[in-house]
Amino acid sequence: MRSIRHKILFAAGFASTASAGSCIECMDIYNACMTATGGDYGVCAHQHNLCAAPQNCPLMPEIIID
């Protein structure tokens, strides 16, 4: 349960920091990926980071160690 709670709290906190329009678009990519893949965090975080890095948006950790 800790792992799921950690992911949810991180995503909620991360979403609140994505204030620029381009960063919100990257979060939309992440959210669509999570829906399409059934919640494969690693894949979706990677897709988000591909969008976010060139736009200087905050990056998501791609690996969560419990």
N, C-alpha and C. Protein backbone atom coordinates (compact mmCIF):
# COMPACT_ATOMS: atom_id res chain seq x y z
N MET A 1 0.83 -1.20 0.00
CA MET A 1 0.00 0.00 0.00
C MET A 1 0.86 1.25 0.00
N ARG A 2 2.00 1.20 0.67
CA ARG A 2 2.86 2.37 0.73
C ARG A 2 3.26 2.84 -0.66
N SER A 3 3.57 1.91 -1.54
CA SER A 3 4.01 2.26 -2.88
C SER A 3 2.91 3.02 -3.64
N ILE A 4 1.69 2.52 -3.55
CA ILE A 4 0.58 3.18 -4.24
C ILE A 4 0.34 4.56 -3.65
N ARG A 5 0.33 4.65 -2.35
CA ARG A 5 0.12 5.94 -1.68
C ARG A 5 1.21 6.92 -2.09
N HIS A 6 2.47 6.45 -2.12
CA HIS A 6 3.58 7.31 -2.51
C HIS A 6 3.38 7.85 -3.92
N LYS A 7 2.98 7.00 -4.85
CA LYS A 7 2.79 7.42 -6.24
C LYS A 7 1.67 8.45 -6.35
N ILE A 8 0.57 8.21 -5.63
CA ILE A 8 -0.57 9.13 -5.69
C ILE A 8 -0.19 10.48 -5.10
N LEU A 9 0.46 10.49 -3.95
CA LEU A 9 0.85 11.75 -3.33
C LEU A 9 1.87 12.49 -4.18
N PHE A 10 2.81 11.75 -4.77
CA PHE A 10 3.80 12.39 -5.63
C PHE A 10 3.13 13.01 -6.84
N ALA A 11 2.22 12.28 -7.48
CA ALA A 11 1.54 12.79 -8.68
C ALA A 11 0.72 14.04 -8.34
N ALA A 12 0.05 14.02 -7.21
CA ALA A 12 -0.75 15.18 -6.82
C ALA A 12 0.14 16.38 -6.55
N GLY A 13 1.23 16.19 -5.87
CA GLY A 13 2.15 17.29 -5.59
C GLY A 13 2.82 17.78 -6.85
N PHE A 14 3.17 16.87 -7.72
CA PHE A 14 3.83 17.23 -8.96
C PHE A 14 2.89 18.04 -9.84
N ALA A 15 1.65 17.62 -9.93
CA ALA A 15 0.68 18.32 -10.78
C ALA A 15 0.50 19.76 -10.33
N SER A 16 0.59 19.99 -9.04
CA SER A 16 0.39 21.36 -8.54
C SER A 16 1.57 22.27 -8.89
N THR A 17 2.75 21.70 -9.19
CA THR A 17 3.90 22.53 -9.54
C THR A 17 3.97 22.82 -11.03
N ALA A 18 3.21 22.10 -11.83
CA ALA A 18 3.25 22.27 -13.28
C ALA A 18 2.32 23.42 -13.67
N SER A 19 2.83 24.65 -13.57
CA SER A 19 1.98 25.81 -13.79
C SER A 19 2.07 26.36 -15.20
N ALA A 20 3.19 26.20 -15.87
CA ALA A 20 3.32 26.72 -17.23
C ALA A 20 2.51 25.86 -18.20
N GLY A 21 2.01 26.48 -19.26
CA GLY A 21 1.19 25.77 -20.23
C GLY A 21 1.87 24.55 -20.80
N SER A 22 3.15 24.67 -21.14
CA SER A 22 3.86 23.54 -21.72
C SER A 22 4.01 22.41 -20.71
N CYS A 23 4.17 22.74 -19.45
CA CYS A 23 4.29 21.71 -18.42
C CYS A 23 2.97 20.98 -18.23
N ILE A 24 1.89 21.69 -18.34
CA ILE A 24 0.57 21.07 -18.23
C ILE A 24 0.35 20.11 -19.38
N GLU A 25 0.83 20.45 -20.57
CA GLU A 25 0.72 19.55 -21.71
C GLU A 25 1.48 18.25 -21.44
N CYS A 26 2.62 18.34 -20.79
CA CYS A 26 3.40 17.15 -20.45
C CYS A 26 2.65 16.31 -19.42
N MET A 27 1.99 16.95 -18.47
CA MET A 27 1.18 16.21 -17.50
C MET A 27 0.01 15.53 -18.19
N ASP A 28 -0.55 16.17 -19.21
CA ASP A 28 -1.64 15.56 -19.97
C ASP A 28 -1.15 14.29 -20.68
N ILE A 29 0.07 14.34 -21.20
CA ILE A 29 0.67 13.15 -21.83
C ILE A 29 0.79 12.04 -20.80
N TYR A 30 1.29 12.39 -19.61
CA TYR A 30 1.42 11.41 -18.53
C TYR A 30 0.07 10.81 -18.16
N ASN A 31 -0.93 11.65 -17.96
CA ASN A 31 -2.25 11.17 -17.55
C ASN A 31 -2.88 10.27 -18.61
N ALA A 32 -2.76 10.65 -19.88
CA ALA A 32 -3.30 9.83 -20.96
C ALA A 32 -2.57 8.48 -21.02
N CYS A 33 -1.27 8.50 -20.82
CA CYS A 33 -0.49 7.26 -20.81
C CYS A 33 -0.92 6.36 -19.66
N MET A 34 -1.11 6.91 -18.48
CA MET A 34 -1.52 6.10 -17.34
C MET A 34 -2.86 5.42 -17.61
N THR A 35 -3.76 6.11 -18.28
CA THR A 35 -5.05 5.53 -18.62
C THR A 35 -4.88 4.44 -19.68
N ALA A 36 -4.08 4.73 -20.71
CA ALA A 36 -3.92 3.81 -21.83
C ALA A 36 -3.15 2.54 -21.45
N THR A 37 -2.19 2.65 -20.55
CA THR A 37 -1.35 1.50 -20.20
C THR A 37 -1.84 0.78 -18.95
N GLY A 38 -2.90 1.24 -18.36
CA GLY A 38 -3.39 0.63 -17.13
C GLY A 38 -2.53 0.97 -15.92
N GLY A 39 -1.80 2.06 -16.00
CA GLY A 39 -1.04 2.54 -14.85
C GLY A 39 0.42 2.12 -14.82
N ASP A 40 1.07 1.99 -15.97
CA ASP A 40 2.50 1.63 -16.01
C ASP A 40 3.31 2.90 -15.76
N TYR A 41 3.60 3.15 -14.48
CA TYR A 41 4.24 4.40 -14.08
C TYR A 41 5.57 4.64 -14.79
N GLY A 42 6.41 3.63 -14.87
CA GLY A 42 7.74 3.80 -15.47
C GLY A 42 7.67 4.27 -16.90
N VAL A 43 6.80 3.65 -17.70
CA VAL A 43 6.65 4.03 -19.11
C VAL A 43 6.11 5.45 -19.21
N CYS A 44 5.11 5.75 -18.41
CA CYS A 44 4.46 7.06 -18.49
C CYS A 44 5.35 8.19 -17.98
N ALA A 45 6.12 7.93 -16.93
CA ALA A 45 7.05 8.94 -16.44
C ALA A 45 8.11 9.23 -17.51
N HIS A 46 8.55 8.20 -18.19
CA HIS A 46 9.54 8.38 -19.27
C HIS A 46 8.95 9.24 -20.39
N GLN A 47 7.72 8.95 -20.80
CA GLN A 47 7.08 9.76 -21.85
C GLN A 47 6.92 11.20 -21.40
N HIS A 48 6.54 11.39 -20.15
CA HIS A 48 6.42 12.75 -19.61
C HIS A 48 7.75 13.47 -19.68
N ASN A 49 8.82 12.79 -19.26
CA ASN A 49 10.14 13.43 -19.23
C ASN A 49 10.65 13.78 -20.62
N LEU A 50 10.30 12.98 -21.61
CA LEU A 50 10.67 13.32 -22.99
C LEU A 50 10.04 14.64 -23.42
N CYS A 51 8.84 14.90 -22.95
CA CYS A 51 8.16 16.17 -23.23
C CYS A 51 8.72 17.29 -22.36
N ALA A 52 8.97 16.99 -21.09
CA ALA A 52 9.28 18.03 -20.10
C ALA A 52 10.71 18.56 -20.20
N ALA A 53 11.67 17.70 -20.46
CA ALA A 53 13.08 18.10 -20.43
C ALA A 53 13.39 19.27 -21.35
N PRO A 54 12.99 19.22 -22.63
CA PRO A 54 13.33 20.34 -23.51
C PRO A 54 12.63 21.66 -23.15
N GLN A 55 11.57 21.56 -22.33
CA GLN A 55 10.80 22.76 -21.98
C GLN A 55 11.13 23.24 -20.56
N ASN A 56 12.15 22.65 -19.95
CA ASN A 56 12.57 23.02 -18.59
C ASN A 56 11.46 22.86 -17.56
N CYS A 57 10.63 21.84 -17.74
CA CYS A 57 9.61 21.51 -16.75
C CYS A 57 10.21 20.52 -15.75
N PRO A 58 9.63 20.42 -14.57
CA PRO A 58 10.13 19.44 -13.60
C PRO A 58 10.02 18.02 -14.17
N LEU A 59 11.03 17.20 -13.90
CA LEU A 59 11.02 15.82 -14.36
C LEU A 59 10.45 14.90 -13.28
N MET A 60 9.87 13.80 -13.70
CA MET A 60 9.35 12.80 -12.77
C MET A 60 10.41 11.72 -12.61
N PRO A 61 10.56 11.18 -11.42
CA PRO A 61 11.49 10.05 -11.28
C PRO A 61 10.94 8.87 -12.06
N GLU A 62 11.80 8.20 -12.81
CA GLU A 62 11.35 7.09 -13.64
C GLU A 62 11.39 5.76 -12.90
N ILE A 63 12.10 5.71 -11.79
CA ILE A 63 12.18 4.48 -11.01
C ILE A 63 11.84 4.82 -9.56
N ILE A 64 10.92 4.07 -9.00
CA ILE A 64 10.57 4.26 -7.59
C ILE A 64 11.12 3.08 -6.81
N ILE A 65 11.93 3.37 -5.82
CA ILE A 65 12.49 2.33 -4.96
C ILE A 65 11.74 2.36 -3.64
N ASP A 66 11.10 1.25 -3.31
CA ASP A 66 10.34 1.19 -2.05
C ASP A 66 11.21 0.75 -0.93
